[in-house]
Every structure is written in structure tokens, then in C-alpha cells.
Amino acid sequence: MHIFANPARFLQIARPLTGWCGWIGALLTVVGLGAGLFITPPDYLQGETVRIMYLHVPSAWLGMAGWGGIAIASIMELVWRHPLAGIAARGVAVPGAVFTGLCLATGSIWGRPTWGTWWEWDGRLTSMLVLLFVYIAYIALAEAEADRGGQGRIAAIFGIVGVVNLPIIHFSVLWWRTLHQGESITLQGSTIAGSILWPLPVALIGFTLLFVAIVLMRMRAMLARQKVEARLRRMGAEA
């Protein structure tokens, strides 16, 4: 990863990669959501409400994967002093929080006709809500540390500690038998019918590529901001 330590080298790769990820991700997202909403049959139990899955599952995946990315970047920042690691972590934080919030919103909409309630203090729902709060806390902490001219070590430590919540989210449906259904897709197979399942991986890949494009755009914007601020400081010193 140190080959990307030079911001100029990173930008040479990030500029074209942003466009490729964005356009391909948008295309796959439209195909996945379009097929899920208009082509696949309704579920024999949940009926038309099962179509929320094509947005809910990718949102849940990206909410969790986003914090995993923050944790990895935080380790690189603390251990290897990678100059772009902190920027990467902050770039992931906002879209990760947005997808986590979207997961909670779609889960609540899905839960209303399925469970008969908008919200239940279920293990999966509660741990996902905690993840949203952790995201918000990280964003606030990173911004406050940057405003004080800190090096991002406190935010990085918080990013590593927060990863403890991910296995809780993953195993919550096994540890606590509440309203949320168990795992429908495992390494052994899926309990979802193939006629309903096939658009889901398309949507997952599409949303993931869009997520990557958004993170790259945010990182590029942060690097541009740093460059402008450094130039202004030099101009102020020369004046």
C-alpha cells in the first residue's frame, strides 16, 4: 500500500478510477434495482414488500464494510504512518453513515408490514443503530481533531475500537432470537428462491462501486483542500 503514499501518485490512479467505478456502479445499481422492483416475482410469504431487500441488504453491507474500512485505515495510520490513511478513513465515514441510516430506514419500512411495528429493540436493529451513533461520533471527533491541528491519532484509535460492534451486528441474529430473521445467505447456500435472489448480487456490486467512487471523490476533495490551505499559509508567511 505504500506505493500510494505519494498523493500525486494516488491522484493519478484515483481520477480515472472514480469515473469507472461511478459509471459502472450506477449502471449495475439501475439494473439490479430495476430487476428487483419490476421483474422478479413477489415472495410467497412477504409479497411485494420483499423488494425492499434490494436496497436494504446493500445498505447494511456498506454500513458494516465502511466501518471495516475505517478500522483498516486507522491501523495503517497508527502503525505504518501511511499519509493517506487518515484521509481514507474520513472519506469513508460520511457515506458509511449515510448507508447505515438508509439500512435502518429501509429496515423500519420493511418491518412495519412484516412485524406489525416500525421499530423493535431487536439485537440486529439495536446494534445497527449503535453503529450509526459510532459513525456520527467518529465524524465529530475527526473534525474536532482536525480543527485543533491534531494528527488524527485519537480518531484512529476510536476507529479501531469501534470495530468491536461489527461481530455483534453479524452474530446478533444467532445470539438473540428476536423478531429479525436469521441469515438467509451463507457459505452453504441461500434460503431465498433463485428467481428472487439473482438481482441482489448485481445491486450489491453496483452499490459497492458507487460507494468506492464517492470515497475517492471525497479523498480527492480533501487533498485539494489541504493543497489550497498549504498554499494560503505560504502566501501568508511571504506577505
Protein backbone atom coordinates (compact mmCIF):
# COMPACT_ATOMS: atom_id res chain seq x y z
CA MET A 1 0.00 0.00 0.00
CA HIS A 2 2.96 2.33 0.41
CA ILE A 3 3.08 2.73 -3.40
CA PHE A 4 0.02 5.01 -2.90
CA ALA A 5 1.72 7.02 -0.13
CA ASN A 6 2.56 9.78 -2.60
CA PRO A 7 -0.61 11.90 -3.03
CA ALA A 8 0.32 12.73 -6.63
CA ARG A 9 0.61 9.02 -7.49
CA PHE A 10 -2.64 8.30 -5.71
CA LEU A 11 -4.44 11.05 -7.64
CA GLN A 12 -3.17 9.68 -10.96
CA ILE A 13 -4.94 6.42 -10.16
CA ALA A 14 -7.95 7.86 -8.31
CA ARG A 15 -9.07 10.26 -11.06
CA PRO A 16 -9.86 7.66 -13.76
CA LEU A 17 -10.89 5.06 -11.19
CA THR A 18 -13.54 7.40 -9.80
CA GLY A 19 -15.23 7.65 -13.19
CA TRP A 20 -15.06 3.94 -13.95
CA CYS A 21 -16.43 2.95 -10.54
CA GLY A 22 -19.11 5.61 -10.66
CA TRP A 23 -20.50 4.84 -14.11
CA ILE A 24 -20.25 1.05 -13.86
CA GLY A 25 -21.68 1.17 -10.34
CA ALA A 26 -24.59 3.36 -11.46
CA LEU A 27 -25.35 1.00 -14.36
CA LEU A 28 -25.30 -2.13 -12.19
CA THR A 29 -27.35 -0.41 -9.50
CA VAL A 30 -30.04 0.56 -12.01
CA VAL A 31 -30.07 -2.97 -13.44
CA GLY A 32 -30.19 -4.62 -10.00
CA LEU A 33 -32.87 -2.34 -8.59
CA GLY A 34 -34.88 -2.34 -11.83
CA ALA A 35 -34.92 -6.12 -12.00
CA GLY A 36 -35.72 -6.42 -8.31
CA LEU A 37 -38.57 -3.95 -8.48
CA PHE A 38 -40.17 -4.85 -11.81
CA ILE A 39 -39.05 -8.30 -13.00
CA THR A 40 -38.72 -10.68 -10.06
CA PRO A 41 -41.90 -12.30 -8.67
CA PRO A 42 -43.27 -11.41 -5.23
CA ASP A 43 -42.34 -13.62 -2.30
CA TYR A 44 -44.90 -16.27 -1.37
CA LEU A 45 -44.97 -15.03 2.26
CA GLN A 46 -43.94 -11.36 2.22
CA GLY A 47 -45.45 -10.48 -1.13
CA GLU A 48 -44.28 -7.22 -2.72
CA THR A 49 -42.55 -5.98 0.44
CA VAL A 50 -39.64 -8.34 -0.25
CA ARG A 51 -38.48 -5.86 -2.91
CA ILE A 52 -37.09 -3.62 -0.16
CA MET A 53 -34.35 -6.25 0.13
CA TYR A 54 -32.56 -4.95 -2.97
CA LEU A 55 -31.87 -1.65 -1.22
CA HIS A 56 -31.79 -2.81 2.40
CA VAL A 57 -29.17 -5.55 2.04
CA PRO A 58 -26.61 -3.44 0.10
CA SER A 59 -27.10 -0.61 2.61
CA ALA A 60 -26.44 -2.96 5.54
CA TRP A 61 -23.38 -4.42 3.81
CA LEU A 62 -21.89 -0.99 3.06
CA GLY A 63 -22.62 0.32 6.54
CA MET A 64 -20.62 -2.53 8.06
CA ALA A 65 -17.95 -2.67 5.34
CA GLY A 66 -17.47 1.08 5.66
CA TRP A 67 -16.52 0.80 9.32
CA GLY A 68 -14.26 -2.12 8.45
CA GLY A 69 -12.51 0.22 6.01
CA ILE A 70 -12.17 2.87 8.71
CA ALA A 71 -10.61 0.32 11.07
CA ILE A 72 -8.09 -0.86 8.45
CA ALA A 73 -7.16 2.71 7.52
CA SER A 74 -6.82 3.60 11.21
CA ILE A 75 -4.41 0.69 11.77
CA MET A 76 -2.34 1.81 8.79
CA GLU A 77 -2.31 5.37 10.13
CA LEU A 78 -1.15 4.34 13.61
CA VAL A 79 1.27 1.54 12.71
CA TRP A 80 2.75 2.44 9.34
CA ARG A 81 2.11 6.22 9.38
CA HIS A 82 0.58 5.99 5.92
CA PRO A 83 -0.03 9.64 4.92
CA LEU A 84 -3.30 8.91 3.10
CA ALA A 85 -4.75 6.52 5.68
CA GLY A 86 -6.42 9.20 7.81
CA ILE A 87 -7.86 10.85 4.70
CA ALA A 88 -9.23 7.49 3.55
CA ALA A 89 -10.87 6.87 6.92
CA ARG A 90 -12.52 10.29 6.93
CA GLY A 91 -13.55 9.78 3.31
CA VAL A 92 -15.37 6.57 4.22
CA ALA A 93 -17.09 7.94 7.34
CA VAL A 94 -19.86 10.07 5.83
CA PRO A 95 -21.05 7.66 3.09
CA GLY A 96 -20.77 4.82 5.61
CA ALA A 97 -23.03 6.72 7.99
CA VAL A 98 -25.49 7.50 5.17
CA PHE A 99 -25.79 3.85 4.15
CA THR A 100 -26.17 2.80 7.80
CA GLY A 101 -29.01 5.29 8.18
CA LEU A 102 -30.53 4.02 4.93
CA CYS A 103 -30.31 0.46 6.25
CA LEU A 104 -32.20 1.45 9.39
CA ALA A 105 -34.83 3.38 7.43
CA THR A 106 -35.50 0.59 4.92
CA GLY A 107 -35.46 -1.99 7.71
CA SER A 108 -38.10 0.01 9.57
CA ILE A 109 -40.26 0.27 6.43
CA TRP A 110 -39.83 -3.45 5.81
CA GLY A 111 -40.60 -4.27 9.43
CA ARG A 112 -43.93 -2.43 9.53
CA PRO A 113 -45.93 -4.89 7.36
CA THR A 114 -43.78 -7.89 8.33
CA TRP A 115 -43.58 -7.46 12.12
CA GLY A 116 -46.51 -5.08 12.64
CA THR A 117 -44.26 -2.35 14.10
CA TRP A 118 -41.88 0.33 12.80
CA TRP A 119 -39.26 -0.42 15.40
CA GLU A 120 -38.30 -3.18 17.79
CA TRP A 121 -35.36 -3.24 20.20
CA ASP A 122 -34.12 -6.29 18.40
CA GLY A 123 -30.46 -7.33 18.64
CA ARG A 124 -29.73 -6.66 14.96
CA LEU A 125 -31.62 -3.35 14.85
CA THR A 126 -30.16 -2.07 18.10
CA SER A 127 -26.55 -2.93 17.20
CA MET A 128 -27.02 -1.30 13.78
CA LEU A 129 -28.36 1.83 15.48
CA VAL A 130 -25.26 1.81 17.70
CA LEU A 131 -23.14 1.68 14.52
CA LEU A 132 -24.86 4.83 13.24
CA PHE A 133 -24.10 6.63 16.52
CA VAL A 134 -20.49 5.42 16.35
CA TYR A 135 -20.20 6.83 12.83
CA ILE A 136 -21.55 10.19 13.96
CA ALA A 137 -19.17 10.23 16.92
CA TYR A 138 -16.20 9.42 14.66
CA ILE A 139 -17.11 12.18 12.19
CA ALA A 140 -17.41 14.73 15.00
CA LEU A 141 -14.18 13.55 16.65
CA ALA A 142 -12.20 13.61 13.39
CA GLU A 143 -13.46 17.11 12.56
CA ALA A 144 -12.70 18.43 16.03
CA GLU A 145 -9.20 16.94 15.98
CA ALA A 146 -8.52 18.40 12.53
CA ASP A 147 -9.71 21.85 13.65
CA ARG A 148 -7.24 21.73 16.55
CA GLY A 149 -4.42 20.77 14.22
CA GLY A 150 -4.14 17.24 15.62
CA GLN A 151 -2.57 14.35 13.75
CA GLY A 152 -5.67 12.15 13.83
CA ARG A 153 -4.39 9.63 16.37
CA ILE A 154 -7.42 9.91 18.67
CA ALA A 155 -9.84 9.41 15.76
CA ALA A 156 -7.74 6.46 14.55
CA ILE A 157 -7.87 4.78 17.96
CA PHE A 158 -11.64 5.31 18.04
CA GLY A 159 -11.88 3.81 14.54
CA ILE A 160 -10.16 0.64 15.73
CA VAL A 161 -12.16 0.34 18.96
CA GLY A 162 -15.45 0.80 17.11
CA VAL A 163 -14.86 -2.35 15.06
CA VAL A 164 -15.94 -4.37 18.12
CA ASN A 165 -19.53 -3.66 17.14
CA LEU A 166 -19.26 -5.43 13.76
CA PRO A 167 -19.22 -9.03 15.04
CA ILE A 168 -22.08 -8.11 17.39
CA ILE A 169 -24.13 -7.00 14.38
CA HIS A 170 -23.21 -10.09 12.40
CA PHE A 171 -23.93 -12.65 15.09
CA SER A 172 -26.86 -10.84 16.72
CA VAL A 173 -29.44 -12.97 14.90
CA LEU A 174 -27.76 -16.09 16.33
CA TRP A 175 -27.18 -14.79 19.87
CA TRP A 176 -30.63 -13.26 20.38
CA ARG A 177 -33.71 -14.96 18.96
CA THR A 178 -35.98 -11.97 18.42
CA LEU A 179 -38.03 -10.64 15.50
CA HIS A 180 -35.26 -10.23 12.95
CA GLN A 181 -34.94 -13.26 10.69
CA GLY A 182 -31.79 -15.38 10.71
CA GLU A 183 -29.16 -15.39 8.00
CA SER A 184 -30.74 -16.05 4.59
CA ILE A 185 -27.44 -16.25 2.69
CA THR A 186 -24.49 -18.28 4.00
CA LEU A 187 -21.48 -20.10 2.58
CA GLN A 188 -23.63 -23.23 2.47
CA GLY A 189 -26.26 -21.63 0.24
CA SER A 190 -29.36 -19.46 0.41
CA THR A 191 -32.92 -19.89 1.60
CA ILE A 192 -34.08 -17.28 -0.92
CA ALA A 193 -35.52 -18.57 -4.19
CA GLY A 194 -33.22 -18.09 -7.17
CA SER A 195 -35.91 -16.22 -9.12
CA ILE A 196 -35.89 -13.56 -6.39
CA LEU A 197 -32.22 -13.70 -5.44
CA TRP A 198 -30.41 -13.09 -8.74
CA PRO A 199 -30.70 -9.25 -8.88
CA LEU A 200 -29.30 -8.92 -5.36
CA PRO A 201 -25.60 -9.56 -6.17
CA VAL A 202 -25.91 -7.17 -9.13
CA ALA A 203 -27.24 -4.46 -6.82
CA LEU A 204 -24.59 -5.28 -4.20
CA ILE A 205 -21.75 -4.85 -6.68
CA GLY A 206 -23.33 -1.70 -8.11
CA PHE A 207 -23.79 -0.02 -4.74
CA THR A 208 -20.28 -1.06 -3.68
CA LEU A 209 -18.72 0.52 -6.78
CA LEU A 210 -20.74 3.69 -6.19
CA PHE A 211 -19.50 3.71 -2.59
CA VAL A 212 -15.90 3.42 -3.78
CA ALA A 213 -16.43 6.27 -6.26
CA ILE A 214 -17.89 8.51 -3.54
CA VAL A 215 -14.98 7.75 -1.19
CA LEU A 216 -12.43 8.51 -3.91
CA MET A 217 -14.17 11.80 -4.69
CA ARG A 218 -14.13 12.77 -1.03
CA MET A 219 -10.45 11.86 -0.70
CA ARG A 220 -9.58 13.92 -3.77
CA ALA A 221 -11.54 16.87 -2.37
CA MET A 222 -9.72 16.60 0.97
CA LEU A 223 -6.32 16.50 -0.74
CA ALA A 224 -7.27 19.54 -2.83
CA ARG A 225 -8.35 21.37 0.31
CA GLN A 226 -5.07 20.55 2.03
CA LYS A 227 -3.16 21.83 -1.00
CA VAL A 228 -5.09 25.10 -1.02
CA GLU A 229 -4.61 25.58 2.73
CA ALA A 230 -0.87 24.93 2.42
CA ARG A 231 -0.62 27.47 -0.38
CA LEU A 232 -2.51 30.06 1.64
CA ARG A 233 -0.18 29.50 4.60
CA ARG A 234 2.86 30.02 2.35
CA MET A 235 1.35 33.18 0.92
CA GLY A 236 0.64 34.46 4.43
CA ALA A 237 4.22 33.74 5.52
CA GLU A 238 5.64 35.55 2.50
CA ALA A 239 3.40 38.61 2.93
